[in-house]
Amino acid sequence: MKSTVKLFSFLILTSVIFTSCQSSRSGSSSKSNLTGWNFNDPNYGSYIKGKFKDGSVPPGMVHIEGGTYTMGLVQDDVMFDWNTTPKQMHVRSFYMDEAEVTNAEYGLFLQYTKDLFPPEEPDFKHVYESVLPDTLVWRKGLGNTNLLSENYLRHPAYADYPVVGVSWLQANEYCKWRTNAVNLKILMDKGVIKNIFKEDSIEFKGKNNFDTDAYLTDPYALFDGDTSIYKKGLPVPRKKGDPKPPKDAFTGRQITSSDGILSQKFRLPTEAEWEYAAKAVFENREYNNIRGRKKYAWSGKYTRNRSRAKRGDQMSNFKQGKGNYSGIAGWSSDGSDIPNKVKSYPPNAFGLYDMSGNVSEWVSDVYRPIIDSEANDFNYFRGNIFTKKKIDENGKVVILGDGEIEYDTLVNGKIMTKGLPGSVKYIPITRDDTFMRRNYIVADNSDLGDGDQRSSKFFDLDKEQLEGTPRMYNSPEKPEKELDTLGNVVNQFEYDKKKRTTLISNKTRVYKGGSWADREYWLDPAQRRYFPEYIATNYIGFRCATDKVGPMMMNEKKTATPRYVRK
């Protein structure tokens, strides 16, 4: 009996020691395993080690677990343009909006921008206008559609409909703003920054706004230092009647990226991510689906629901034929002859709505006819422009002021902002930054291997010899800006058929998915089309994505079975 008790005690002790060792090795300890120093301890310099908590999904998003799939089309290639040649790709885990950005959500961005940069002030007169959707995309020379031009964006009846009339550039501006809005709320909830909307002493305008990069660069520079709760590492004295700080509030210092609390940057999904999320090939592990033969975002070969309860209902919103945008009135109708309210149709296996139909969606990639999986088959993306923070002569990071707004006049005459007051100024990397690097050698990689000098027949010429040689993609180039006597931009675009044979350029962006105005052919997630990044239409919207840090699976659970359930 005694020997049994001793053996049992030995096993328990061994288990405890083993668990302790495993915990130490996994890095969950607050002590350095290699030096013995304590992290986050004033007695050891207060060196930071954040606590990573996996499992929190950003608001309005779903987790897309990464994996491999066949990118491209192997079903209906009636165009024979070699635009969607199938290739095997691997995509990392990420988060994606469960539905397109709606008029109400984009309207919040517009209201914020208008308050922050009042258009009636000369310094800010072009900022609000630059992000305003083009409501005139609904006009038709032979159509009665003025109602939509006047009401679709702002009328509450269309509040939950996907926003359209936004260019690729405007969609990216929304993503930047969303990053700052989410992180501002995090810092206010943590008690790190005062609630700027309640502070009467703060002028919330122009450079006095929140920017995530500016905060991480110098948190005490925000609002001229007025909104920081902690000054020089010391808590601000609480006044009588002030609410108690939250239990998880930071006391004594500002948050850094090492704390793992701030949100990752929101952005447009890459083309590979968007197609992977739309196909959701894991729901049916048959050979055909893994190899890419999935025609729609849902499982099956038909556009109508085949379930017993909803048999015959359309699974998405698309143009069913010439002069037929919704079907016959009654049970045969798909419910809308323009974009429909988001989440009106069943989601796919990932829980994403309207990945086939309703509106097409911008993705972040620069368009090229061929996706070069030989050059990269891991998290593919074309369009990288590597930058760095600009440093002034005093060695400080440059943060733009009120009189330093940077504008860019687009080809169509519209004005877009390139840098807003209160934001960090970025510049392209230089040749010195790429010296002896093997993974990249230039700042702008948009035409890497397909349009740059190295991929052309003039690869061996120097700069002087290149002058006058034809470009691989001879799309119209942006002319030098010329103003008339009234200060308006003079359009000088040349569309000579003999000189121009393509519209493909480094400013051409991919959009994916069929829309309410498209035939069934375009509902296939593998289909891809393109437009210049400054173009807006009444059938292209967007949704955001953001990167997942840490393990590819949620909560580090390793299982071979899908964990997604159709709602």
Protein backbone atom coordinates (compact mmCIF):
# COMPACT_ATOMS: atom_id res chain seq x y z
CA MET A 1 0.00 0.00 0.00
CA LYS A 2 2.82 2.39 0.99
CA SER A 3 4.68 1.62 -2.21
CA THR A 4 1.52 2.40 -4.21
CA VAL A 5 1.13 5.78 -2.45
CA LYS A 6 4.79 6.61 -3.06
CA LEU A 7 4.46 5.70 -6.73
CA PHE A 8 1.31 7.83 -7.06
CA SER A 9 3.04 10.80 -5.37
CA PHE A 10 6.04 10.40 -7.65
CA LEU A 11 3.83 10.46 -10.74
CA ILE A 12 2.05 13.63 -9.58
CA LEU A 13 5.36 15.37 -8.83
CA THR A 14 6.75 14.35 -12.22
CA SER A 15 3.63 15.68 -13.94
CA VAL A 16 3.91 19.03 -12.15
CA ILE A 17 7.60 19.38 -13.04
CA PHE A 18 6.93 18.44 -16.66
CA THR A 19 4.05 20.92 -16.92
CA SER A 20 6.23 23.65 -15.40
CA CYS A 21 9.00 22.94 -17.88
CA GLN A 22 6.56 22.97 -20.78
CA SER A 23 5.12 26.30 -19.61
CA SER A 24 8.60 27.76 -19.35
CA ARG A 25 9.58 26.53 -22.79
CA SER A 26 6.40 27.84 -24.38
CA GLY A 27 7.29 31.37 -23.32
CA SER A 28 4.25 31.91 -21.07
CA SER A 29 6.46 32.82 -18.10
CA SER A 30 6.99 36.48 -17.17
CA LYS A 31 10.68 35.74 -16.65
CA SER A 32 13.34 35.50 -19.33
CA ASN A 33 14.32 31.86 -19.76
CA LEU A 34 17.77 32.82 -20.98
CA THR A 35 18.77 35.57 -18.54
CA GLY A 36 16.56 35.12 -15.49
CA TRP A 37 15.42 38.75 -15.68
CA ASN A 38 11.77 39.57 -15.01
CA PHE A 39 9.76 41.17 -17.79
CA ASN A 40 7.57 44.20 -16.99
CA ASP A 41 9.43 44.61 -13.66
CA PRO A 42 10.75 48.06 -12.60
CA ASN A 43 13.56 46.30 -10.74
CA TYR A 44 14.79 44.98 -14.08
CA GLY A 45 14.24 48.05 -16.26
CA SER A 46 10.52 47.42 -17.01
CA TYR A 47 11.39 45.70 -20.28
CA ILE A 48 8.19 44.74 -22.04
CA LYS A 49 6.80 41.34 -22.84
CA GLY A 50 3.17 41.45 -23.92
CA LYS A 51 0.54 38.79 -23.34
CA PHE A 52 -0.87 37.26 -26.49
CA LYS A 53 -4.52 36.18 -26.32
CA ASP A 54 -5.65 34.31 -29.39
CA GLY A 55 -9.33 34.05 -30.21
CA SER A 56 -10.52 37.66 -30.41
CA VAL A 57 -11.96 38.32 -33.87
CA PRO A 58 -12.18 41.97 -35.03
CA PRO A 59 -15.72 43.44 -35.09
CA GLY A 60 -17.77 42.40 -38.11
CA MET A 61 -15.20 39.88 -39.31
CA VAL A 62 -14.78 36.12 -39.48
CA HIS A 63 -11.66 34.01 -39.17
CA ILE A 64 -10.44 32.47 -42.43
CA GLU A 65 -8.10 29.60 -41.67
CA GLY A 66 -5.30 29.45 -44.21
CA GLY A 67 -4.32 26.54 -46.40
CA THR A 68 -3.69 25.45 -49.96
CA TYR A 69 -6.08 25.58 -52.91
CA THR A 70 -6.17 25.80 -56.68
CA MET A 71 -6.35 29.45 -57.67
CA GLY A 72 -7.82 30.08 -61.07
CA LEU A 73 -10.52 28.74 -63.33
CA VAL A 74 -10.99 25.22 -64.63
CA GLN A 75 -14.73 25.36 -65.30
CA ASP A 76 -16.05 27.85 -67.88
CA ASP A 77 -13.32 29.64 -69.81
CA VAL A 78 -15.37 30.61 -72.83
CA MET A 79 -13.24 33.72 -73.41
CA PHE A 80 -10.02 31.71 -73.87
CA ASP A 81 -7.95 34.66 -72.67
CA TRP A 82 -5.64 32.64 -70.37
CA ASN A 83 -6.61 35.06 -67.65
CA THR A 84 -7.37 32.46 -64.98
CA THR A 85 -4.89 29.67 -65.58
CA PRO A 86 -5.11 27.30 -62.58
CA LYS A 87 -2.18 27.24 -60.17
CA GLN A 88 -1.62 25.87 -56.67
CA MET A 89 -1.37 28.55 -53.98
CA HIS A 90 -1.02 28.71 -50.21
CA VAL A 91 -2.80 31.44 -48.24
CA ARG A 92 -2.07 32.39 -44.63
CA SER A 93 -4.84 32.73 -42.07
CA PHE A 94 -6.53 36.13 -41.92
CA TYR A 95 -9.75 37.89 -40.94
CA MET A 96 -12.29 39.18 -43.43
CA ASP A 97 -15.50 41.21 -43.22
CA GLU A 98 -18.51 38.92 -43.27
CA ALA A 99 -20.29 41.33 -45.64
CA GLU A 100 -19.48 44.29 -47.86
CA VAL A 101 -19.02 47.74 -46.32
CA THR A 102 -22.46 49.35 -46.27
CA ASN A 103 -23.65 52.89 -46.96
CA ALA A 104 -24.12 53.42 -43.21
CA GLU A 105 -20.59 52.28 -42.35
CA TYR A 106 -19.02 54.36 -45.11
CA GLY A 107 -21.26 57.25 -44.06
CA LEU A 108 -19.65 57.18 -40.62
CA PHE A 109 -16.28 57.62 -42.32
CA LEU A 110 -17.66 60.56 -44.32
CA GLN A 111 -19.11 62.31 -41.27
CA TYR A 112 -15.86 61.88 -39.33
CA THR A 113 -13.80 63.20 -42.24
CA LYS A 114 -16.09 66.21 -42.68
CA ASP A 115 -15.83 67.10 -38.99
CA LEU A 116 -12.08 66.64 -38.90
CA PHE A 117 -11.34 68.44 -42.16
CA PRO A 118 -14.13 71.01 -42.72
CA PRO A 119 -14.41 71.55 -46.50
CA GLU A 120 -15.23 75.24 -46.00
CA GLU A 121 -11.71 75.88 -44.73
CA PRO A 122 -9.15 76.54 -47.51
CA ASP A 123 -6.54 74.18 -46.02
CA PHE A 124 -8.96 71.24 -46.13
CA LYS A 125 -11.24 72.01 -49.08
CA HIS A 126 -10.33 68.89 -51.09
CA VAL A 127 -10.12 66.30 -48.28
CA TYR A 128 -13.83 65.51 -47.83
CA GLU A 129 -14.47 65.65 -51.56
CA SER A 130 -11.68 63.14 -52.20
CA VAL A 131 -13.44 60.36 -50.24
CA LEU A 132 -17.00 61.18 -51.34
CA PRO A 133 -18.51 58.38 -53.48
CA ASP A 134 -19.54 59.25 -57.01
CA THR A 135 -23.34 59.15 -56.84
CA LEU A 136 -23.63 59.97 -60.55
CA VAL A 137 -22.59 56.41 -61.44
CA TRP A 138 -26.32 55.61 -61.38
CA ARG A 139 -27.14 57.96 -64.26
CA LYS A 140 -28.01 56.50 -67.66
CA GLY A 141 -28.48 58.45 -70.85
CA LEU A 142 -31.59 56.41 -71.67
CA GLY A 143 -32.68 55.40 -68.19
CA ASN A 144 -34.87 56.71 -65.38
CA THR A 145 -32.39 56.22 -62.52
CA ASN A 146 -32.10 59.70 -60.98
CA LEU A 147 -33.79 58.41 -57.81
CA LEU A 148 -30.76 56.23 -57.10
CA SER A 149 -28.30 59.03 -57.78
CA GLU A 150 -30.09 61.19 -55.22
CA ASN A 151 -30.94 58.62 -52.55
CA TYR A 152 -28.88 55.41 -52.69
CA LEU A 153 -25.93 56.71 -50.63
CA ARG A 154 -27.72 58.61 -47.85
CA HIS A 155 -31.38 57.56 -47.61
CA PRO A 156 -31.99 55.31 -44.57
CA ALA A 157 -33.84 52.85 -46.80
CA TYR A 158 -30.46 51.95 -48.32
CA ALA A 159 -28.40 52.21 -45.11
CA ASP A 160 -27.56 48.49 -45.04
CA TYR A 161 -26.93 48.19 -48.77
CA PRO A 162 -23.33 47.88 -50.01
CA VAL A 163 -21.68 51.20 -50.81
CA VAL A 164 -20.88 51.68 -54.50
CA GLY A 165 -19.40 54.53 -56.51
CA VAL A 166 -16.12 54.20 -54.61
CA SER A 167 -12.83 53.86 -56.41
CA TRP A 168 -10.01 51.57 -55.35
CA LEU A 169 -8.20 54.59 -53.91
CA GLN A 170 -11.21 55.61 -51.82
CA ALA A 171 -11.64 52.06 -50.51
CA ASN A 172 -8.04 52.16 -49.29
CA GLU A 173 -8.64 55.47 -47.52
CA TYR A 174 -11.53 53.86 -45.66
CA CYS A 175 -9.29 51.00 -44.57
CA LYS A 176 -6.72 53.46 -43.17
CA TRP A 177 -9.40 55.35 -41.27
CA ARG A 178 -10.90 52.13 -39.88
CA THR A 179 -7.50 51.13 -38.49
CA ASN A 180 -7.23 54.42 -36.63
CA ALA A 181 -10.86 54.35 -35.45
CA VAL A 182 -10.56 50.84 -33.98
CA ASN A 183 -7.25 51.57 -32.25
CA LEU A 184 -8.52 54.88 -30.88
CA LYS A 185 -11.40 53.04 -29.22
CA ILE A 186 -9.00 50.44 -27.79
CA LEU A 187 -6.83 53.14 -26.22
CA MET A 188 -9.82 55.01 -24.81
CA ASP A 189 -11.29 51.78 -23.39
CA LYS A 190 -7.93 50.95 -21.78
CA GLY A 191 -7.76 54.38 -20.17
CA VAL A 192 -4.60 55.33 -22.06
CA ILE A 193 -6.14 58.24 -23.96
CA LYS A 194 -8.93 60.47 -22.77
CA ASN A 195 -12.24 60.28 -24.57
CA ILE A 196 -11.50 62.93 -27.16
CA PHE A 197 -15.18 63.33 -27.98
CA LYS A 198 -15.93 64.51 -24.43
CA GLU A 199 -12.97 66.87 -23.98
CA ASP A 200 -14.17 70.45 -24.53
CA SER A 201 -10.62 71.77 -24.32
CA ILE A 202 -9.49 69.77 -27.36
CA GLU A 203 -9.96 71.10 -30.86
CA PHE A 204 -10.64 67.91 -32.78
CA LYS A 205 -9.64 69.14 -36.23
CA GLY A 206 -6.83 68.93 -38.75
CA LYS A 207 -3.58 67.65 -37.28
CA ASN A 208 -5.34 67.19 -33.94
CA ASN A 209 -6.61 63.72 -34.75
CA PHE A 210 -5.58 60.18 -33.96
CA ASP A 211 -3.22 58.24 -36.21
CA THR A 212 -1.96 54.80 -35.17
CA ASP A 213 1.51 55.16 -36.68
CA ALA A 214 1.92 58.64 -35.18
CA TYR A 215 0.89 57.30 -31.75
CA LEU A 216 3.40 54.46 -31.90
CA THR A 217 6.09 56.88 -33.07
CA ASP A 218 5.51 59.53 -30.37
CA PRO A 219 2.36 59.14 -28.23
CA TYR A 220 2.93 62.43 -26.41
CA ALA A 221 2.79 64.37 -29.67
CA LEU A 222 -0.90 63.58 -30.13
CA PHE A 223 -3.12 66.65 -29.73
CA ASP A 224 -0.02 68.56 -28.58
CA GLY A 225 0.10 66.24 -25.56
CA ASP A 226 -3.31 67.28 -24.24
CA THR A 227 -5.07 63.91 -24.39
CA SER A 228 -2.44 61.62 -22.92
CA ILE A 229 -3.59 60.27 -19.56
CA TYR A 230 -0.02 59.49 -18.52
CA LYS A 231 2.69 62.13 -18.66
CA LYS A 232 6.33 61.04 -18.65
CA GLY A 233 5.43 57.65 -17.26
CA LEU A 234 3.43 58.98 -14.29
CA PRO A 235 -0.36 58.62 -13.89
CA VAL A 236 -2.40 61.79 -14.18
CA PRO A 237 -4.00 62.60 -10.79
CA ARG A 238 -7.65 61.59 -10.73
CA LYS A 239 -10.16 64.25 -9.77
CA LYS A 240 -13.05 63.66 -7.45
CA GLY A 241 -15.93 62.12 -9.35
CA ASP A 242 -13.76 60.76 -12.17
CA PRO A 243 -14.66 57.19 -13.13
CA LYS A 244 -12.32 54.48 -11.94
CA PRO A 245 -9.96 53.17 -14.60
CA PRO A 246 -10.80 49.71 -15.99
CA LYS A 247 -9.18 46.68 -14.37
CA ASP A 248 -7.01 46.08 -17.42
CA ALA A 249 -6.00 49.74 -17.74
CA PHE A 250 -2.34 50.51 -18.32
CA THR A 251 -0.79 52.42 -15.45
CA GLY A 252 2.50 54.20 -15.77
CA ARG A 253 3.29 53.95 -19.49
CA GLN A 254 1.94 54.10 -23.01
CA ILE A 255 1.00 51.08 -25.10
CA THR A 256 3.51 49.88 -27.67
CA SER A 257 3.27 47.35 -30.48
CA SER A 258 5.02 44.85 -28.16
CA ASP A 259 1.94 44.74 -25.94
CA GLY A 260 -0.10 43.07 -28.69
CA ILE A 261 -3.18 45.13 -27.87
CA LEU A 262 -3.56 47.39 -30.89
CA SER A 263 -5.33 46.07 -33.96
CA GLN A 264 -3.42 45.12 -37.10
CA LYS A 265 -3.94 47.35 -40.11
CA PHE A 266 -7.15 46.95 -42.06
CA ARG A 267 -6.72 46.68 -45.82
CA LEU A 268 -8.30 45.32 -48.95
CA PRO A 269 -7.91 41.54 -49.28
CA THR A 270 -5.42 40.27 -51.83
CA GLU A 271 -6.79 38.49 -54.87
CA ALA A 272 -5.49 35.15 -53.60
CA GLU A 273 -7.13 35.71 -50.19
CA TRP A 274 -10.44 36.83 -51.66
CA GLU A 275 -10.72 33.85 -54.01
CA TYR A 276 -9.67 31.40 -51.28
CA ALA A 277 -12.29 32.80 -48.90
CA ALA A 278 -14.99 32.78 -51.58
CA LYS A 279 -14.38 29.19 -52.67
CA ALA A 280 -14.21 27.77 -49.12
CA VAL A 281 -13.07 24.48 -50.60
CA PHE A 282 -12.81 22.76 -47.23
CA GLU A 283 -16.59 22.23 -46.98
CA ASN A 284 -16.46 19.48 -49.58
CA ARG A 285 -13.22 17.56 -49.67
CA GLU A 286 -13.98 15.78 -52.90
CA TYR A 287 -11.14 15.75 -55.42
CA ASN A 288 -12.92 18.13 -57.82
CA ASN A 289 -13.38 20.85 -55.22
CA ILE A 290 -9.83 20.68 -53.89
CA ARG A 291 -8.55 20.99 -57.43
CA GLY A 292 -10.58 24.14 -57.97
CA ARG A 293 -13.70 22.87 -59.72
CA LYS A 294 -16.10 24.87 -57.60
CA LYS A 295 -18.36 27.08 -59.67
CA TYR A 296 -19.88 29.34 -56.99
CA ALA A 297 -19.21 30.51 -53.46
CA TRP A 298 -21.71 27.89 -52.31
CA SER A 299 -21.56 24.15 -52.87
CA GLY A 300 -23.37 22.90 -55.96
CA LYS A 301 -23.76 23.53 -59.67
CA TYR A 302 -26.92 25.64 -59.60
CA THR A 303 -27.89 29.18 -58.60
CA ARG A 304 -31.13 28.10 -56.93
CA ASN A 305 -31.44 26.65 -53.46
CA ARG A 306 -31.98 22.87 -53.46
CA SER A 307 -32.83 22.46 -49.78
CA ARG A 308 -36.31 21.25 -48.90
CA ALA A 309 -37.32 24.40 -47.00
CA LYS A 310 -36.11 26.98 -49.55
CA ARG A 311 -36.12 25.05 -52.78
CA GLY A 312 -36.13 27.30 -55.83
CA ASP A 313 -34.92 30.46 -54.07
CA GLN A 314 -32.01 32.22 -55.74
CA MET A 315 -28.72 31.95 -53.83
CA SER A 316 -27.52 35.40 -54.92
CA ASN A 317 -28.40 38.59 -56.75
CA PHE A 318 -27.37 38.73 -60.43
CA LYS A 319 -28.66 39.55 -63.91
CA GLN A 320 -30.59 36.51 -65.08
CA GLY A 321 -30.89 37.49 -68.73
CA LYS A 322 -31.34 40.36 -71.15
CA GLY A 323 -33.79 42.78 -69.59
CA ASN A 324 -34.09 40.47 -66.57
CA TYR A 325 -32.43 41.77 -63.39
CA SER A 326 -34.50 39.98 -60.76
CA GLY A 327 -36.72 37.38 -62.39
CA ILE A 328 -40.49 37.22 -62.65
CA ALA A 329 -42.33 38.96 -59.82
CA GLY A 330 -43.25 36.56 -57.06
CA TRP A 331 -41.56 33.36 -56.01
CA SER A 332 -39.16 33.40 -58.99
CA SER A 333 -37.65 36.79 -58.10
CA ASP A 334 -34.19 36.96 -56.51
CA GLY A 335 -35.35 39.89 -54.37
CA SER A 336 -33.62 42.88 -55.93
CA ASP A 337 -32.94 44.54 -59.28
CA ILE A 338 -30.07 46.63 -57.86
CA PRO A 339 -27.66 45.80 -55.03
CA ASN A 340 -29.60 44.15 -52.22
CA LYS A 341 -29.31 44.58 -48.47
CA VAL A 342 -26.22 42.76 -47.19
CA LYS A 343 -26.79 39.29 -45.71
CA SER A 344 -29.96 38.83 -47.74
CA TYR A 345 -28.68 35.52 -49.11
CA PRO A 346 -27.14 32.49 -47.39
CA PRO A 347 -23.43 32.70 -46.46
CA ASN A 348 -20.76 30.37 -47.75
CA ALA A 349 -19.03 27.78 -45.57
CA PHE A 350 -16.70 30.38 -44.02
CA GLY A 351 -19.70 32.50 -42.99
CA LEU A 352 -19.09 35.15 -45.68
CA TYR A 353 -22.06 36.76 -47.40
CA ASP A 354 -22.43 37.82 -51.04
CA MET A 355 -19.12 36.47 -52.33
CA SER A 356 -20.99 35.60 -55.53
CA GLY A 357 -23.40 38.31 -56.67
CA ASN A 358 -24.81 41.55 -55.22
CA VAL A 359 -21.73 43.73 -55.94
CA SER A 360 -18.28 42.97 -57.28
CA GLU A 361 -15.44 43.86 -54.92
CA TRP A 362 -12.10 45.60 -55.16
CA VAL A 363 -9.03 43.62 -54.14
CA SER A 364 -5.59 45.07 -53.53
CA ASP A 365 -3.64 43.52 -56.43
CA VAL A 366 -2.24 45.27 -59.48
CA TYR A 367 -3.62 43.45 -62.53
CA ARG A 368 -1.50 41.27 -64.78
CA PRO A 369 -2.89 38.60 -67.12
CA ILE A 370 -0.71 35.89 -65.61
CA ILE A 371 -0.21 35.17 -61.90
CA ASP A 372 3.38 34.02 -61.52
CA SER A 373 3.16 31.09 -59.10
CA GLU A 374 6.67 30.04 -60.15
CA ALA A 375 8.05 33.26 -58.64
CA ASN A 376 5.94 32.95 -55.48
CA ASP A 377 3.29 30.46 -54.40
CA PHE A 378 3.01 31.62 -50.77
CA ASN A 379 0.52 34.40 -49.94
CA TYR A 380 0.80 35.81 -53.45
CA PHE A 381 0.31 39.56 -53.96
CA ARG A 382 1.31 41.93 -56.75
CA GLY A 383 1.56 45.59 -55.83
CA ASN A 384 4.13 45.90 -53.04
CA ILE A 385 5.65 49.37 -52.69
CA PHE A 386 8.20 49.30 -49.89
CA THR A 387 8.50 52.54 -47.92
CA LYS A 388 10.14 53.93 -44.81
CA LYS A 389 9.42 56.77 -42.41
CA LYS A 390 10.93 60.08 -43.44
CA ILE A 391 13.47 61.43 -40.96
CA ASP A 392 14.19 65.16 -40.72
CA GLU A 393 17.58 66.82 -40.20
CA ASN A 394 17.12 66.51 -36.41
CA GLY A 395 16.68 62.76 -36.62
CA LYS A 396 12.96 62.86 -35.86
CA VAL A 397 10.15 61.16 -37.75
CA VAL A 398 8.23 63.68 -39.88
CA ILE A 399 4.56 64.10 -38.95
CA LEU A 400 2.57 66.25 -41.34
CA GLY A 401 1.04 69.50 -40.10
CA ASP A 402 -2.13 71.36 -41.16
CA GLY A 403 -0.51 73.18 -44.04
CA GLU A 404 1.23 70.08 -45.38
CA ILE A 405 -1.57 68.09 -46.97
CA GLU A 406 -0.28 66.23 -50.03
CA TYR A 407 -2.63 65.99 -53.01
CA ASP A 408 -2.50 64.00 -56.22
CA THR A 409 -4.47 65.08 -59.29
CA LEU A 410 -5.76 61.91 -60.93
CA VAL A 411 -6.07 61.24 -64.63
CA ASN A 412 -9.81 61.94 -64.55
CA GLY A 413 -9.22 65.34 -62.94
CA LYS A 414 -10.27 64.33 -59.42
CA ILE A 415 -8.06 65.18 -56.47
CA MET A 416 -6.97 62.58 -53.90
CA THR A 417 -5.01 63.08 -50.71
CA LYS A 418 -1.66 61.35 -50.34
CA GLY A 419 -0.94 62.42 -46.77
CA LEU A 420 -3.17 63.95 -44.10
CA PRO A 421 -2.24 66.23 -41.17
CA GLY A 422 -1.29 64.27 -38.09
CA SER A 423 -0.03 61.26 -40.08
CA VAL A 424 3.51 59.99 -40.51
CA LYS A 425 5.18 60.85 -43.83
CA TYR A 426 6.48 57.81 -45.70
CA ILE A 427 8.92 57.80 -48.62
CA PRO A 428 10.02 54.96 -50.95
CA ILE A 429 13.10 53.03 -49.92
CA THR A 430 16.33 53.85 -51.75
CA ARG A 431 18.98 51.73 -53.43
CA ASP A 432 21.09 51.99 -50.26
CA ASP A 433 18.26 50.29 -48.33
CA THR A 434 18.34 47.31 -50.68
CA PHE A 435 22.11 46.91 -50.81
CA MET A 436 23.06 43.19 -50.77
CA ARG A 437 19.47 42.11 -50.19
CA ARG A 438 18.28 38.93 -51.86
CA ASN A 439 14.52 39.16 -51.30
CA TYR A 440 13.86 42.53 -53.01
CA ILE A 441 15.89 45.15 -54.84
CA VAL A 442 13.46 47.99 -55.68
CA ALA A 443 10.78 49.99 -53.89
CA ASP A 444 7.95 49.56 -56.41
CA ASN A 445 7.36 45.90 -57.25
CA SER A 446 4.07 46.39 -59.12
CA ASP A 447 5.51 45.29 -62.46
CA LEU A 448 8.10 42.86 -61.11
CA GLY A 449 8.70 40.13 -63.68
CA ASP A 450 5.89 41.38 -65.89
CA GLY A 451 6.41 44.87 -67.27
CA ASP A 452 9.68 45.95 -65.69
CA GLN A 453 12.90 46.29 -67.66
CA ARG A 454 14.23 42.90 -66.58
CA SER A 455 11.20 41.15 -68.08
CA SER A 456 11.39 43.05 -71.38
CA LYS A 457 13.51 42.52 -74.46
CA PHE A 458 15.47 45.64 -73.49
CA PHE A 459 16.70 44.10 -70.24
CA ASP A 460 20.37 44.77 -71.05
CA LEU A 461 20.09 48.49 -71.93
CA ASP A 462 21.10 51.31 -69.61
CA LYS A 463 18.91 54.32 -68.77
CA GLU A 464 20.17 56.46 -71.64
CA GLN A 465 19.53 53.71 -74.19
CA LEU A 466 16.03 53.02 -72.80
CA GLU A 467 14.71 56.44 -73.80
CA GLY A 468 12.28 56.10 -76.70
CA THR A 469 11.92 52.31 -76.49
CA PRO A 470 8.33 50.98 -76.35
CA ARG A 471 6.86 49.84 -73.05
CA MET A 472 5.63 46.28 -72.56
CA TYR A 473 2.19 47.60 -71.50
CA ASN A 474 1.73 50.80 -73.50
CA SER A 475 -1.33 52.04 -71.64
CA PRO A 476 -1.98 55.81 -71.66
CA GLU A 477 0.41 57.58 -69.34
CA LYS A 478 -0.57 60.36 -67.00
CA PRO A 479 0.38 63.65 -68.71
CA GLU A 480 2.11 66.53 -67.02
CA LYS A 481 -0.42 68.60 -65.06
CA GLU A 482 -1.45 71.70 -66.96
CA LEU A 483 -3.85 74.34 -65.66
CA ASP A 484 -6.02 76.70 -67.67
CA THR A 485 -6.51 80.39 -66.85
CA LEU A 486 -9.19 79.48 -64.27
CA GLY A 487 -6.93 77.01 -62.48
CA ASN A 488 -8.71 73.90 -63.78
CA VAL A 489 -6.76 70.84 -64.87
CA VAL A 490 -6.52 70.45 -68.65
CA ASN A 491 -7.05 66.84 -69.74
CA GLN A 492 -4.43 65.81 -72.28
CA PHE A 493 -5.07 62.10 -72.59
CA GLU A 494 -4.19 60.46 -75.88
CA TYR A 495 -6.18 57.42 -76.99
CA ASP A 496 -4.61 56.89 -80.41
CA LYS A 497 -5.45 53.32 -81.48
CA LYS A 498 -2.10 53.00 -83.23
CA LYS A 499 -0.19 53.98 -80.11
CA ARG A 500 -2.32 52.35 -77.41
CA THR A 501 -3.04 48.63 -77.41
CA THR A 502 -3.84 48.00 -73.74
CA LEU A 503 -5.22 49.64 -70.60
CA ILE A 504 -3.03 47.52 -68.31
CA SER A 505 -0.66 49.55 -66.15
CA ASN A 506 0.69 49.71 -62.60
CA LYS A 507 -2.43 51.71 -61.69
CA THR A 508 -4.82 48.99 -62.88
CA ARG A 509 -6.49 47.02 -60.08
CA VAL A 510 -8.33 43.71 -59.94
CA TYR A 511 -11.95 43.37 -58.92
CA LYS A 512 -13.58 40.03 -58.18
CA GLY A 513 -16.99 38.43 -58.00
CA GLY A 514 -20.14 38.90 -60.03
CA SER A 515 -22.61 41.69 -59.32
CA TRP A 516 -26.28 42.54 -59.67
CA ALA A 517 -25.49 43.78 -63.21
CA ASP A 518 -23.55 40.65 -64.31
CA ARG A 519 -24.65 37.40 -65.88
CA GLU A 520 -24.17 34.09 -64.10
CA TYR A 521 -20.83 33.52 -65.84
CA TRP A 522 -19.13 36.09 -63.62
CA LEU A 523 -20.33 34.56 -60.33
CA ASP A 524 -17.43 32.10 -60.38
CA PRO A 525 -14.96 33.28 -57.66
CA ALA A 526 -12.06 32.56 -60.01
CA GLN A 527 -13.17 35.13 -62.58
CA ARG A 528 -11.11 38.30 -62.60
CA ARG A 529 -11.51 41.70 -64.21
CA TYR A 530 -9.75 45.03 -63.88
CA PHE A 531 -10.24 48.78 -63.88
CA PRO A 532 -7.96 51.78 -63.28
CA GLU A 533 -7.73 52.48 -59.55
CA TYR A 534 -9.45 55.87 -59.92
CA ILE A 535 -12.60 54.49 -61.63
CA ALA A 536 -15.90 54.08 -59.74
CA THR A 537 -19.02 52.20 -60.88
CA ASN A 538 -22.49 51.35 -59.57
CA TYR A 539 -21.63 47.65 -59.29
CA ILE A 540 -18.26 47.57 -57.46
CA GLY A 541 -18.00 47.78 -53.67
CA PHE A 542 -15.47 46.38 -51.21
CA ARG A 543 -14.88 44.66 -47.91
CA CYS A 544 -11.87 44.80 -45.58
CA ALA A 545 -9.42 42.20 -44.37
CA THR A 546 -6.72 42.17 -41.72
CA ASP A 547 -3.89 39.82 -40.85
CA LYS A 548 -4.04 37.18 -38.14
CA VAL A 549 -1.00 37.06 -35.89
CA GLY A 550 0.18 33.94 -34.10
CA PRO A 551 -0.93 30.39 -34.96
CA MET A 552 -2.92 29.81 -38.12
CA MET A 553 -5.67 28.03 -36.18
CA MET A 554 -7.80 29.70 -33.56
CA ASN A 555 -6.78 28.95 -29.94
CA GLU A 556 -3.97 26.68 -31.20
CA LYS A 557 -6.42 23.77 -31.61
CA LYS A 558 -5.02 21.25 -34.05
CA THR A 559 -7.71 19.18 -35.69
CA ALA A 560 -8.17 17.85 -39.19
CA THR A 561 -11.92 18.46 -39.31
CA PRO A 562 -13.46 21.78 -40.39
CA ARG A 563 -14.67 23.92 -37.51
CA TYR A 564 -17.03 26.10 -39.48
CA VAL A 565 -20.76 25.66 -39.37
CA ARG A 566 -23.11 27.12 -41.93
CA LYS A 567 -25.43 29.57 -40.22
